[in-house]
Amino acid sequence: MVKAKIAPSMLSSDFSNLASEAERMLRCGADWLHMDIMDGAYLDCHLMVTNPLDYVEPFAKAGASGFTFHIEVCEDNWQELVKEIKSKGMKAGVSLKPGTPVEKVYPLVEAKDPVEMVLIMTVEPGFGGQKFMPEMMDKVRALRANYPSLDIEVDGGLGPSTIDVATSAGANCIVAGSSVFGAPDPAQVISLLRKSVEDSQPVS
C-alpha cells in the first residue's frame, strides 16, 4: 500500500509572503511543499530546466528533500543525475510532459539505482490554473500496474472535482495549487485530497 502525500504547489502562493504561506500549508496538513523551478528555456522541487545537474548541489544546500527532473532533457545522462541527487541526500524523481510516452521512464524505475517517484504532468508545464487532462490517467494506470509500491505524483488541475479520477487511476502523491491556496479552508481541501488517496487504496 502506498502512502498519501499531499503537496500544495507554492506556484499558487502569495510570493511576497512565502515563508508564512509555507508554514500555513504545513499547519493545514500538507506532507510536502511543491516548488516549481523554471529557467525559461525549458522540499519537493520540480525542475523544468535544461541542465538539472547544475542545480543539484545548490538545492541540496538550500534544504530540498526531493529533486524531480524532466526525462525530456536527461535521456542521455539520467544515471549520473540520479546518482548525484541521491549522493546529496535527496530523493530522486522523474517527470514527463503530456506528450511524452510513459515507457520512457520505465528504465529509470527499473534501474539498479532507481528514481523513487514518477511525476505525471496533467497539464502542460509552465504556469498554474490550467485544466486537468484526464487522458493522462492512462499513464498513471500503466505505472501502478507495473510498479505497485512506486510513488506516483500528479501535477496540474488537481482539486476536489478531479481528485477521484487521479487517485482511482493509482496516483498517491497529489500536487494542488489553486484549489488549495484559493480555498476558504485549505485544510479541508488537503484533508479531502488525502481521503481520496486513502479510499482508493486496494483492500489488503
N, C-alpha and C. Protein backbone atom coordinates (compact mmCIF):
# COMPACT_ATOMS: atom_id res chain seq x y z
N MET A 1 0.84 -1.18 0.00
CA MET A 1 0.00 0.00 0.00
C MET A 1 0.89 1.25 0.00
N VAL A 2 0.54 2.24 -0.82
CA VAL A 2 1.32 3.47 -0.90
C VAL A 2 0.67 4.53 -0.03
N LYS A 3 1.50 5.40 0.52
CA LYS A 3 1.03 6.43 1.44
C LYS A 3 0.57 7.68 0.67
N ALA A 4 -0.51 8.29 1.16
CA ALA A 4 -0.97 9.55 0.59
C ALA A 4 0.01 10.66 0.94
N LYS A 5 0.38 11.46 -0.06
CA LYS A 5 1.27 12.60 0.16
C LYS A 5 0.69 13.80 -0.58
N ILE A 6 0.29 14.81 0.18
CA ILE A 6 -0.34 15.99 -0.41
C ILE A 6 0.67 17.14 -0.42
N ALA A 7 0.87 17.71 -1.62
CA ALA A 7 1.91 18.73 -1.81
C ALA A 7 1.32 20.00 -2.42
N PRO A 8 0.94 20.98 -1.59
CA PRO A 8 0.49 22.25 -2.15
C PRO A 8 1.57 22.88 -3.02
N SER A 9 1.17 23.36 -4.19
CA SER A 9 2.12 23.98 -5.11
C SER A 9 2.33 25.44 -4.75
N MET A 10 3.55 25.79 -4.38
CA MET A 10 3.86 27.15 -3.97
C MET A 10 3.76 28.14 -5.13
N LEU A 11 3.61 27.64 -6.36
CA LEU A 11 3.40 28.50 -7.51
C LEU A 11 2.12 29.31 -7.35
N SER A 12 1.17 28.79 -6.56
CA SER A 12 -0.11 29.47 -6.34
C SER A 12 -0.15 30.28 -5.05
N SER A 13 0.98 30.36 -4.36
CA SER A 13 1.00 31.07 -3.07
C SER A 13 1.24 32.56 -3.27
N ASP A 14 1.17 33.31 -2.17
CA ASP A 14 1.49 34.73 -2.16
C ASP A 14 3.02 34.86 -2.11
N PHE A 15 3.64 35.22 -3.23
CA PHE A 15 5.10 35.25 -3.32
C PHE A 15 5.73 36.28 -2.37
N SER A 16 4.96 37.26 -1.94
CA SER A 16 5.52 38.26 -1.03
C SER A 16 5.58 37.75 0.41
N ASN A 17 4.96 36.58 0.65
CA ASN A 17 4.95 36.00 2.00
C ASN A 17 5.20 34.49 1.94
N LEU A 18 6.24 34.10 1.22
CA LEU A 18 6.48 32.66 1.00
C LEU A 18 6.65 31.88 2.30
N ALA A 19 7.41 32.42 3.23
CA ALA A 19 7.66 31.68 4.48
C ALA A 19 6.37 31.45 5.25
N SER A 20 5.55 32.50 5.38
CA SER A 20 4.30 32.33 6.13
C SER A 20 3.32 31.44 5.37
N GLU A 21 3.34 31.51 4.04
CA GLU A 21 2.48 30.64 3.24
C GLU A 21 2.88 29.18 3.41
N ALA A 22 4.19 28.92 3.43
CA ALA A 22 4.68 27.56 3.64
C ALA A 22 4.27 27.04 5.01
N GLU A 23 4.45 27.87 6.03
CA GLU A 23 4.05 27.48 7.39
C GLU A 23 2.55 27.21 7.46
N ARG A 24 1.76 28.05 6.79
CA ARG A 24 0.30 27.88 6.79
C ARG A 24 -0.10 26.54 6.18
N MET A 25 0.54 26.17 5.07
CA MET A 25 0.21 24.90 4.42
C MET A 25 0.58 23.71 5.30
N LEU A 26 1.72 23.80 5.99
CA LEU A 26 2.13 22.71 6.88
C LEU A 26 1.16 22.59 8.06
N ARG A 27 0.70 23.73 8.57
CA ARG A 27 -0.31 23.69 9.64
C ARG A 27 -1.62 23.10 9.15
N CYS A 28 -1.90 23.28 7.87
CA CYS A 28 -3.14 22.76 7.27
C CYS A 28 -3.06 21.26 6.95
N GLY A 29 -1.89 20.66 7.16
CA GLY A 29 -1.76 19.22 6.98
C GLY A 29 -0.98 18.76 5.77
N ALA A 30 -0.30 19.67 5.08
CA ALA A 30 0.49 19.28 3.90
C ALA A 30 1.63 18.35 4.31
N ASP A 31 1.92 17.37 3.45
CA ASP A 31 3.06 16.47 3.68
C ASP A 31 4.34 17.06 3.11
N TRP A 32 4.21 17.63 1.91
CA TRP A 32 5.34 18.23 1.21
C TRP A 32 4.94 19.63 0.76
N LEU A 33 5.92 20.45 0.40
CA LEU A 33 5.68 21.71 -0.30
C LEU A 33 6.29 21.55 -1.68
N HIS A 34 5.51 21.81 -2.72
CA HIS A 34 5.96 21.59 -4.10
C HIS A 34 6.45 22.92 -4.68
N MET A 35 7.72 22.93 -5.09
CA MET A 35 8.32 24.13 -5.67
C MET A 35 8.62 23.88 -7.14
N ASP A 36 8.06 24.70 -8.03
CA ASP A 36 8.35 24.61 -9.46
C ASP A 36 9.49 25.56 -9.79
N ILE A 37 10.55 25.01 -10.40
CA ILE A 37 11.73 25.81 -10.74
C ILE A 37 11.88 25.81 -12.26
N MET A 38 11.83 26.99 -12.88
CA MET A 38 11.92 27.09 -14.34
C MET A 38 13.03 28.04 -14.73
N ASP A 39 13.72 27.72 -15.82
CA ASP A 39 14.81 28.60 -16.26
C ASP A 39 14.45 29.39 -17.52
N GLY A 40 13.24 29.25 -18.01
CA GLY A 40 12.83 29.99 -19.19
C GLY A 40 13.15 29.25 -20.47
N ALA A 41 14.11 28.35 -20.45
CA ALA A 41 14.45 27.55 -21.62
C ALA A 41 13.67 26.25 -21.58
N TYR A 42 13.29 25.97 -20.94
CA TYR A 42 12.60 24.70 -20.94
C TYR A 42 11.61 24.61 -19.68
N LEU A 43 12.51 20.28 0.40
CA LEU A 43 11.34 20.48 -0.16
C LEU A 43 11.15 19.59 -1.36
N ASP A 44 10.06 19.37 -2.20
CA ASP A 44 9.79 18.58 -3.37
C ASP A 44 9.96 19.52 -4.54
N CYS A 45 11.14 19.56 -5.10
CA CYS A 45 11.42 20.53 -6.15
C CYS A 45 11.30 19.90 -7.53
N HIS A 46 10.46 20.51 -8.35
CA HIS A 46 10.22 20.05 -9.71
C HIS A 46 10.92 21.03 -10.64
N LEU A 47 12.00 20.57 -11.26
CA LEU A 47 12.81 21.45 -12.10
C LEU A 47 12.49 21.29 -13.57
N MET A 48 12.01 22.37 -14.18
CA MET A 48 11.76 22.39 -15.61
C MET A 48 12.88 23.20 -16.24
N VAL A 49 14.07 22.61 -16.22
CA VAL A 49 15.28 23.30 -16.68
C VAL A 49 16.04 22.39 -17.63
N THR A 50 16.90 23.00 -18.44
CA THR A 50 17.61 22.22 -19.45
C THR A 50 18.83 21.48 -18.92
N ASN A 51 19.42 21.95 -17.82
CA ASN A 51 20.61 21.31 -17.25
C ASN A 51 20.42 21.06 -15.75
N PRO A 52 19.57 20.11 -15.39
CA PRO A 52 19.28 19.91 -13.96
C PRO A 52 20.49 19.56 -13.11
N LEU A 53 21.51 18.96 -13.71
CA LEU A 53 22.71 18.59 -12.95
C LEU A 53 23.35 19.83 -12.30
N ASP A 54 23.21 20.98 -12.94
CA ASP A 54 23.78 22.22 -12.41
C ASP A 54 23.11 22.67 -11.11
N TYR A 55 21.91 22.16 -10.86
CA TYR A 55 21.11 22.64 -9.73
C TYR A 55 21.13 21.70 -8.52
N VAL A 56 21.70 20.53 -8.67
CA VAL A 56 21.63 19.53 -7.59
C VAL A 56 22.26 20.04 -6.30
N GLU A 57 23.50 20.48 -6.39
CA GLU A 57 24.19 20.93 -5.17
C GLU A 57 23.54 22.15 -4.54
N PRO A 58 23.19 23.19 -5.33
CA PRO A 58 22.54 24.36 -4.71
C PRO A 58 21.22 24.01 -4.00
N PHE A 59 20.44 23.11 -4.58
CA PHE A 59 19.17 22.76 -3.96
C PHE A 59 19.36 21.90 -2.72
N ALA A 60 20.37 21.05 -2.76
CA ALA A 60 20.68 20.26 -1.56
C ALA A 60 21.11 21.18 -0.42
N LYS A 61 21.95 22.16 -0.74
CA LYS A 61 22.41 23.12 0.28
C LYS A 61 21.26 23.97 0.81
N ALA A 62 20.27 24.22 -0.06
CA ALA A 62 19.12 25.04 0.35
C ALA A 62 18.12 24.25 1.20
N GLY A 63 18.31 22.92 1.27
CA GLY A 63 17.44 22.12 2.13
C GLY A 63 16.36 21.32 1.43
N ALA A 64 16.43 21.20 0.11
CA ALA A 64 15.42 20.41 -0.61
C ALA A 64 15.52 18.94 -0.22
N SER A 65 14.37 18.28 -0.06
CA SER A 65 14.38 16.86 0.29
C SER A 65 14.13 15.97 -0.92
N GLY A 66 13.57 16.56 -1.97
CA GLY A 66 13.32 15.80 -3.20
C GLY A 66 13.69 16.64 -4.40
N PHE A 67 14.16 15.98 -5.47
CA PHE A 67 14.61 16.67 -6.68
C PHE A 67 14.04 15.92 -7.88
N THR A 68 13.08 16.53 -8.57
CA THR A 68 12.42 15.88 -9.71
C THR A 68 12.82 16.59 -11.00
N PHE A 69 13.35 15.83 -11.94
CA PHE A 69 13.81 16.38 -13.22
C PHE A 69 12.96 15.84 -14.35
N HIS A 70 13.01 16.50 -15.51
CA HIS A 70 12.25 16.05 -16.67
C HIS A 70 13.07 15.09 -17.52
N ILE A 71 12.46 13.97 -17.87
CA ILE A 71 13.13 12.97 -18.70
C ILE A 71 13.48 13.55 -20.08
N GLU A 72 12.68 14.50 -20.54
CA GLU A 72 12.89 15.04 -21.89
C GLU A 72 14.25 15.69 -22.07
N VAL A 73 14.87 16.16 -20.97
CA VAL A 73 16.18 16.81 -21.10
C VAL A 73 17.32 15.96 -20.55
N CYS A 74 17.01 14.74 -20.11
CA CYS A 74 18.04 13.91 -19.45
C CYS A 74 18.11 12.48 -19.97
N GLU A 75 17.66 12.25 -21.17
CA GLU A 75 17.63 10.87 -21.68
C GLU A 75 19.02 10.26 -21.76
N ASP A 76 20.06 11.09 -21.93
CA ASP A 76 21.41 10.56 -22.10
C ASP A 76 22.23 10.50 -20.81
N ASN A 77 21.83 11.27 -19.78
CA ASN A 77 22.68 11.31 -18.58
C ASN A 77 21.90 11.12 -17.28
N TRP A 78 20.74 10.48 -17.35
CA TRP A 78 19.92 10.37 -16.14
C TRP A 78 20.59 9.53 -15.05
N GLN A 79 21.40 8.53 -15.44
CA GLN A 79 22.07 7.71 -14.42
C GLN A 79 22.99 8.57 -13.55
N GLU A 80 23.76 9.42 -14.19
CA GLU A 80 24.67 10.32 -13.47
C GLU A 80 23.87 11.27 -12.58
N LEU A 81 22.76 11.78 -13.10
CA LEU A 81 21.94 12.74 -12.37
C LEU A 81 21.31 12.09 -11.13
N VAL A 82 20.75 10.90 -11.29
CA VAL A 82 20.13 10.20 -10.14
C VAL A 82 21.18 9.92 -9.07
N LYS A 83 22.35 9.48 -9.50
CA LYS A 83 23.42 9.20 -8.54
C LYS A 83 23.82 10.45 -7.76
N GLU A 84 23.91 11.57 -8.46
CA GLU A 84 24.30 12.83 -7.83
C GLU A 84 23.21 13.31 -6.86
N ILE A 85 21.96 13.20 -7.26
CA ILE A 85 20.84 13.62 -6.40
C ILE A 85 20.88 12.83 -5.09
N LYS A 86 21.01 11.52 -5.20
CA LYS A 86 20.99 10.66 -4.01
C LYS A 86 22.24 10.88 -3.14
N SER A 87 23.37 11.18 -3.79
CA SER A 87 24.60 11.41 -3.02
C SER A 87 24.49 12.65 -2.14
N LYS A 88 23.57 13.55 -2.50
CA LYS A 88 23.37 14.77 -1.71
C LYS A 88 22.24 14.61 -0.69
N GLY A 89 21.75 13.38 -0.55
CA GLY A 89 20.74 13.12 0.47
C GLY A 89 19.31 13.45 0.07
N MET A 90 19.06 13.64 -1.23
CA MET A 90 17.70 13.94 -1.70
C MET A 90 17.10 12.72 -2.39
N LYS A 91 15.77 12.67 -2.42
CA LYS A 91 15.07 11.63 -3.17
C LYS A 91 15.00 12.06 -4.63
N ALA A 92 15.21 11.11 -5.53
CA ALA A 92 15.20 11.41 -6.96
C ALA A 92 13.85 11.06 -7.57
N GLY A 93 13.33 12.00 -8.35
CA GLY A 93 12.09 11.77 -9.07
C GLY A 93 12.26 12.17 -10.52
N VAL A 94 11.41 11.59 -11.38
CA VAL A 94 11.45 11.95 -12.79
C VAL A 94 10.05 12.36 -13.23
N SER A 95 9.99 13.36 -14.09
CA SER A 95 8.71 13.87 -14.58
C SER A 95 8.64 13.73 -16.09
N LEU A 96 7.40 13.62 -16.60
CA LEU A 96 7.24 13.64 -18.04
C LEU A 96 6.06 14.50 -18.43
N LYS A 97 6.25 15.22 -19.53
CA LYS A 97 5.23 16.12 -20.06
C LYS A 97 4.11 15.30 -20.71
N PRO A 98 2.94 15.93 -20.94
CA PRO A 98 1.81 15.19 -21.50
C PRO A 98 2.10 14.46 -22.81
N GLY A 99 2.97 15.02 -23.65
CA GLY A 99 3.24 14.38 -24.95
C GLY A 99 4.28 13.27 -24.92
N THR A 100 4.89 13.02 -23.77
CA THR A 100 5.96 12.02 -23.66
C THR A 100 5.39 10.66 -23.26
N PRO A 101 5.70 9.60 -24.01
CA PRO A 101 5.19 8.26 -23.65
C PRO A 101 5.70 7.81 -22.28
N VAL A 102 4.84 7.17 -21.52
CA VAL A 102 5.19 6.75 -20.16
C VAL A 102 6.33 5.73 -20.16
N GLU A 103 6.45 4.96 -21.23
CA GLU A 103 7.50 3.94 -21.31
C GLU A 103 8.92 4.54 -21.20
N LYS A 104 9.04 5.83 -21.47
CA LYS A 104 10.35 6.50 -21.39
C LYS A 104 10.93 6.43 -19.97
N VAL A 105 10.07 6.34 -18.96
CA VAL A 105 10.59 6.35 -17.58
C VAL A 105 10.77 4.96 -17.00
N TYR A 106 10.31 3.93 -17.69
CA TYR A 106 10.46 2.57 -17.15
C TYR A 106 11.90 2.22 -16.80
N PRO A 107 12.88 2.52 -17.68
CA PRO A 107 14.26 2.17 -17.33
C PRO A 107 14.74 2.86 -16.05
N LEU A 108 14.22 4.04 -15.75
CA LEU A 108 14.64 4.78 -14.56
C LEU A 108 14.07 4.16 -13.29
N VAL A 109 12.88 3.57 -13.41
CA VAL A 109 12.24 2.92 -12.26
C VAL A 109 12.86 1.54 -12.02
N GLU A 110 13.30 0.91 -13.10
CA GLU A 110 13.83 -0.46 -13.01
C GLU A 110 15.35 -0.51 -12.86
N ALA A 111 16.00 0.64 -12.85
CA ALA A 111 17.47 0.69 -12.77
C ALA A 111 17.98 0.15 -11.45
N LYS A 112 19.26 -0.18 -11.42
CA LYS A 112 19.90 -0.64 -10.18
C LYS A 112 19.82 0.46 -9.12
N ASP A 113 19.98 1.70 -9.55
CA ASP A 113 19.84 2.87 -8.67
C ASP A 113 18.65 3.67 -9.19
N PRO A 114 17.42 3.28 -8.80
CA PRO A 114 16.23 3.83 -9.45
C PRO A 114 15.77 5.18 -8.89
N VAL A 115 14.92 5.84 -9.67
CA VAL A 115 14.21 7.01 -9.14
C VAL A 115 13.18 6.48 -8.14
N GLU A 116 12.77 7.34 -7.20
CA GLU A 116 11.83 6.91 -6.17
C GLU A 116 10.42 7.43 -6.40
N MET A 117 10.26 8.28 -7.43
CA MET A 117 8.95 8.82 -7.74
C MET A 117 8.87 9.17 -9.21
N VAL A 118 7.67 8.99 -9.79
CA VAL A 118 7.41 9.45 -11.15
C VAL A 118 6.29 10.48 -11.07
N LEU A 119 6.54 11.64 -11.70
CA LEU A 119 5.56 12.73 -11.75
C LEU A 119 4.95 12.79 -13.13
N ILE A 120 3.64 12.59 -13.18
CA ILE A 120 2.90 12.70 -14.43
C ILE A 120 2.29 14.09 -14.50
N MET A 121 2.71 14.88 -15.49
CA MET A 121 2.13 16.21 -15.67
C MET A 121 0.74 16.06 -16.28
N THR A 122 -0.25 16.64 -15.61
CA THR A 122 -1.63 16.56 -16.10
C THR A 122 -2.07 17.89 -16.72
N VAL A 123 -1.08 18.77 -16.94
CA VAL A 123 -1.22 19.99 -17.74
C VAL A 123 0.14 20.19 -18.42
N GLU A 124 0.20 21.12 -19.35
CA GLU A 124 1.50 21.47 -19.93
C GLU A 124 2.26 22.29 -18.90
N PRO A 125 3.51 21.94 -18.60
CA PRO A 125 4.25 22.67 -17.56
C PRO A 125 4.50 24.12 -17.93
N GLY A 126 4.53 24.97 -16.90
CA GLY A 126 4.89 26.35 -17.14
C GLY A 126 4.11 27.38 -16.35
N PHE A 127 2.81 27.14 -16.13
CA PHE A 127 2.04 28.11 -15.35
C PHE A 127 0.83 27.43 -14.73
N GLY A 128 0.33 28.01 -13.64
CA GLY A 128 -0.78 27.42 -12.90
C GLY A 128 -2.14 27.75 -13.49
N GLY A 129 -3.17 27.10 -12.94
CA GLY A 129 -4.54 27.42 -13.31
C GLY A 129 -5.05 26.74 -14.57
N GLN A 130 -4.28 25.78 -15.15
CA GLN A 130 -4.75 25.10 -16.35
C GLN A 130 -5.73 23.99 -16.00
N LYS A 131 -6.45 23.52 -17.03
CA LYS A 131 -7.42 22.45 -16.82
C LYS A 131 -6.75 21.09 -16.82
N PHE A 132 -7.19 20.25 -15.90
CA PHE A 132 -6.73 18.87 -15.75
C PHE A 132 -6.97 18.08 -17.04
N MET A 133 -5.97 17.26 -17.43
CA MET A 133 -6.08 16.44 -18.65
C MET A 133 -6.33 14.99 -18.24
N PRO A 134 -7.61 14.54 -18.23
CA PRO A 134 -7.92 13.19 -17.75
C PRO A 134 -7.27 12.09 -18.56
N GLU A 135 -6.94 12.36 -19.82
CA GLU A 135 -6.33 11.33 -20.67
C GLU A 135 -4.95 10.91 -20.16
N MET A 136 -4.35 11.72 -19.30
CA MET A 136 -3.05 11.37 -18.73
C MET A 136 -3.15 10.23 -17.71
N MET A 137 -4.38 9.89 -17.30
CA MET A 137 -4.56 8.83 -16.30
C MET A 137 -4.18 7.45 -16.84
N ASP A 138 -4.15 7.30 -18.17
CA ASP A 138 -3.67 6.03 -18.74
C ASP A 138 -2.22 5.79 -18.33
N LYS A 139 -1.42 6.85 -18.25
CA LYS A 139 -0.02 6.73 -17.83
C LYS A 139 0.05 6.30 -16.36
N VAL A 140 -0.80 6.91 -15.53
CA VAL A 140 -0.82 6.56 -14.11
C VAL A 140 -1.21 5.10 -13.94
N ARG A 141 -2.25 4.67 -14.66
CA ARG A 141 -2.70 3.27 -14.55
C ARG A 141 -1.60 2.30 -14.97
N ALA A 142 -0.88 2.65 -16.04
CA ALA A 142 0.20 1.78 -16.52
C ALA A 142 1.31 1.67 -15.47
N LEU A 143 1.67 2.80 -14.89
CA LEU A 143 2.71 2.78 -13.85
C LEU A 143 2.28 1.97 -12.63
N ARG A 144 1.05 2.19 -12.18
CA ARG A 144 0.59 1.48 -10.97
C ARG A 144 0.51 -0.02 -11.21
N ALA A 145 0.09 -0.42 -12.42
CA ALA A 145 0.00 -1.85 -12.75
C ALA A 145 1.39 -2.50 -12.73
N ASN A 146 2.38 -1.76 -13.22
CA ASN A 146 3.74 -2.30 -13.30
C ASN A 146 4.54 -2.17 -12.02
N TYR A 147 4.24 -1.11 -11.24
CA TYR A 147 5.05 -0.81 -10.05
C TYR A 147 4.12 -0.49 -8.87
N PRO A 148 3.57 -1.51 -8.21
CA PRO A 148 2.56 -1.31 -7.16
C PRO A 148 3.00 -0.45 -5.98
N SER A 149 4.31 -0.42 -5.68
CA SER A 149 4.75 0.34 -4.50
C SER A 149 5.41 1.68 -4.84
N LEU A 150 5.39 2.06 -6.11
CA LEU A 150 6.03 3.31 -6.56
C LEU A 150 5.21 4.52 -6.12
N ASP A 151 5.90 5.60 -5.72
CA ASP A 151 5.22 6.87 -5.52
C ASP A 151 4.93 7.48 -6.89
N ILE A 152 3.64 7.69 -7.17
CA ILE A 152 3.21 8.28 -8.44
C ILE A 152 2.54 9.61 -8.13
N GLU A 153 3.15 10.68 -8.65
CA GLU A 153 2.65 12.03 -8.38
C GLU A 153 1.95 12.57 -9.62
N VAL A 154 0.89 13.35 -9.40
CA VAL A 154 0.21 14.05 -10.49
C VAL A 154 0.22 15.53 -10.18
N ASP A 155 0.39 16.35 -11.23
CA ASP A 155 0.55 17.79 -11.06
C ASP A 155 -0.17 18.51 -12.19
N GLY A 156 -1.17 19.31 -11.81
CA GLY A 156 -1.85 20.15 -12.79
C GLY A 156 -3.35 19.98 -12.78
N GLY A 157 -4.06 21.00 -12.31
CA GLY A 157 -5.52 20.99 -12.34
C GLY A 157 -6.15 20.07 -11.32
N LEU A 158 -5.41 19.71 -10.27
CA LEU A 158 -5.96 18.80 -9.25
C LEU A 158 -6.73 19.58 -8.19
N GLY A 159 -7.88 19.05 -7.84
CA GLY A 159 -8.72 19.66 -6.81
C GLY A 159 -9.89 18.75 -6.51
N PRO A 160 -10.86 19.21 -5.74
CA PRO A 160 -12.00 18.37 -5.35
C PRO A 160 -12.75 17.75 -6.52
N SER A 161 -12.82 18.44 -7.67
CA SER A 161 -13.59 17.90 -8.79
C SER A 161 -12.83 16.90 -9.65
N THR A 162 -11.50 16.82 -9.49
CA THR A 162 -10.69 15.94 -10.33
C THR A 162 -9.92 14.88 -9.55
N ILE A 163 -9.87 15.02 -8.24
CA ILE A 163 -9.01 14.15 -7.44
C ILE A 163 -9.36 12.67 -7.55
N ASP A 164 -10.66 12.34 -7.55
CA ASP A 164 -11.03 10.93 -7.56
C ASP A 164 -10.60 10.22 -8.86
N VAL A 165 -10.61 10.95 -9.96
CA VAL A 165 -10.14 10.39 -11.24
C VAL A 165 -8.67 10.00 -11.13
N ALA A 166 -7.89 10.88 -10.49
CA ALA A 166 -6.44 10.64 -10.36
C ALA A 166 -6.14 9.52 -9.38
N THR A 167 -6.80 9.53 -8.23
CA THR A 167 -6.48 8.52 -7.22
C THR A 167 -6.99 7.14 -7.61
N SER A 168 -8.13 7.09 -8.29
CA SER A 168 -8.64 5.77 -8.71
C SER A 168 -7.74 5.17 -9.78
N ALA A 169 -6.99 6.01 -10.51
CA ALA A 169 -6.03 5.51 -11.51
C ALA A 169 -4.75 5.01 -10.85
N GLY A 170 -4.51 5.46 -9.60
CA GLY A 170 -3.33 4.97 -8.89
C GLY A 170 -2.39 6.02 -8.36
N ALA A 171 -2.71 7.31 -8.55
CA ALA A 171 -1.84 8.37 -8.04
C ALA A 171 -1.96 8.45 -6.52
N ASN A 172 -0.81 8.59 -5.84
CA ASN A 172 -0.84 8.73 -4.38
C ASN A 172 -0.18 10.01 -3.88
N CYS A 173 0.55 10.70 -4.76
CA CYS A 173 1.17 11.98 -4.40
C CYS A 173 0.48 13.07 -5.23
N ILE A 174 -0.14 14.01 -4.54
CA ILE A 174 -1.00 14.97 -5.21
C ILE A 174 -0.46 16.39 -5.07
N VAL A 175 -0.15 17.02 -6.21
CA VAL A 175 0.24 18.43 -6.20
C VAL A 175 -1.01 19.23 -6.52
N ALA A 176 -1.34 20.20 -5.65
CA ALA A 176 -2.52 21.03 -5.87
C ALA A 176 -2.17 22.47 -5.52
N GLY A 177 -2.42 23.37 -6.45
CA GLY A 177 -2.09 24.77 -6.24
C GLY A 177 -3.30 25.63 -5.97
N SER A 178 -3.96 26.07 -7.04
CA SER A 178 -5.09 26.98 -6.91
C SER A 178 -6.19 26.43 -6.03
N SER A 179 -6.44 25.11 -6.13
CA SER A 179 -7.56 24.53 -5.37
C SER A 179 -7.31 24.56 -3.86
N VAL A 180 -6.03 24.60 -3.46
CA VAL A 180 -5.70 24.68 -2.03
C VAL A 180 -5.55 26.14 -1.60
N PHE A 181 -4.69 26.88 -2.29
CA PHE A 181 -4.42 28.26 -1.89
C PHE A 181 -5.63 29.17 -2.09
N GLY A 182 -6.49 28.83 -3.05
CA GLY A 182 -7.66 29.66 -3.31
C GLY A 182 -8.89 29.28 -2.50
N ALA A 183 -8.76 28.26 -1.68
CA ALA A 183 -9.91 27.78 -0.90
C ALA A 183 -10.09 28.59 0.38
N PRO A 184 -11.34 28.79 0.80
CA PRO A 184 -11.57 29.46 2.09
C PRO A 184 -10.97 28.67 3.25
N ASP A 185 -10.94 27.33 3.10
CA ASP A 185 -10.40 26.46 4.14
C ASP A 185 -9.43 25.47 3.51
N PRO A 186 -8.15 25.87 3.34
CA PRO A 186 -7.17 24.98 2.70
C PRO A 186 -7.03 23.63 3.41
N ALA A 187 -7.14 23.62 4.74
CA ALA A 187 -7.00 22.36 5.48
C ALA A 187 -8.08 21.37 5.08
N GLN A 188 -9.28 21.86 4.82
CA GLN A 188 -10.37 20.98 4.40
C GLN A 188 -10.09 20.36 3.03
N VAL A 189 -9.53 21.15 2.13
CA VAL A 189 -9.21 20.64 0.79
C VAL A 189 -8.08 19.61 0.88
N ILE A 190 -7.04 19.90 1.67
CA ILE A 190 -5.95 18.95 1.85
C ILE A 190 -6.48 17.64 2.42
N SER A 191 -7.37 17.73 3.40
CA SER A 191 -7.97 16.55 4.01
C SER A 191 -8.78 15.74 2.99
N LEU A 192 -9.51 16.45 2.14
CA LEU A 192 -10.32 15.78 1.10
C LEU A 192 -9.42 15.05 0.11
N LEU A 193 -8.31 15.70 -0.30
CA LEU A 193 -7.37 15.07 -1.24
C LEU A 193 -6.77 13.81 -0.63
N ARG A 194 -6.38 13.91 0.65
CA ARG A 194 -5.78 12.77 1.34
C ARG A 194 -6.78 11.61 1.44
N LYS A 195 -8.01 11.93 1.77
CA LYS A 195 -9.05 10.89 1.93
C LYS A 195 -9.29 10.17 0.60
N SER A 196 -9.25 10.91 -0.50
CA SER A 196 -9.45 10.28 -1.80
C SER A 196 -8.35 9.27 -2.11
N VAL A 197 -7.09 9.62 -1.78
CA VAL A 197 -5.97 8.68 -1.97
C VAL A 197 -6.20 7.45 -1.09
N GLU A 198 -6.50 7.68 0.16
CA GLU A 198 -6.66 6.56 1.11
C GLU A 198 -7.83 5.66 0.73
N ASP A 199 -8.93 6.25 0.27
CA ASP A 199 -10.11 5.46 -0.11
C ASP A 199 -9.88 4.66 -1.38
N SER A 200 -8.90 5.07 -2.18
CA SER A 200 -8.61 4.37 -3.44
C SER A 200 -7.63 3.23 -3.28
N GLN A 201 -7.06 3.07 -2.09
CA GLN A 201 -6.09 2.01 -1.87
C GLN A 201 -6.77 0.65 -1.91
N PRO A 202 -6.11 -0.35 -2.52
CA PRO A 202 -6.69 -1.69 -2.54
C PRO A 202 -6.81 -2.25 -1.14
N VAL A 203 -7.87 -2.98 -0.91
CA VAL A 203 -8.07 -3.61 0.40
C VAL A 203 -7.13 -4.78 0.52
N SER A 204 -6.35 -4.81 1.63
CA SER A 204 -5.37 -5.91 1.79
C SER A 204 -5.97 -7.05 2.58
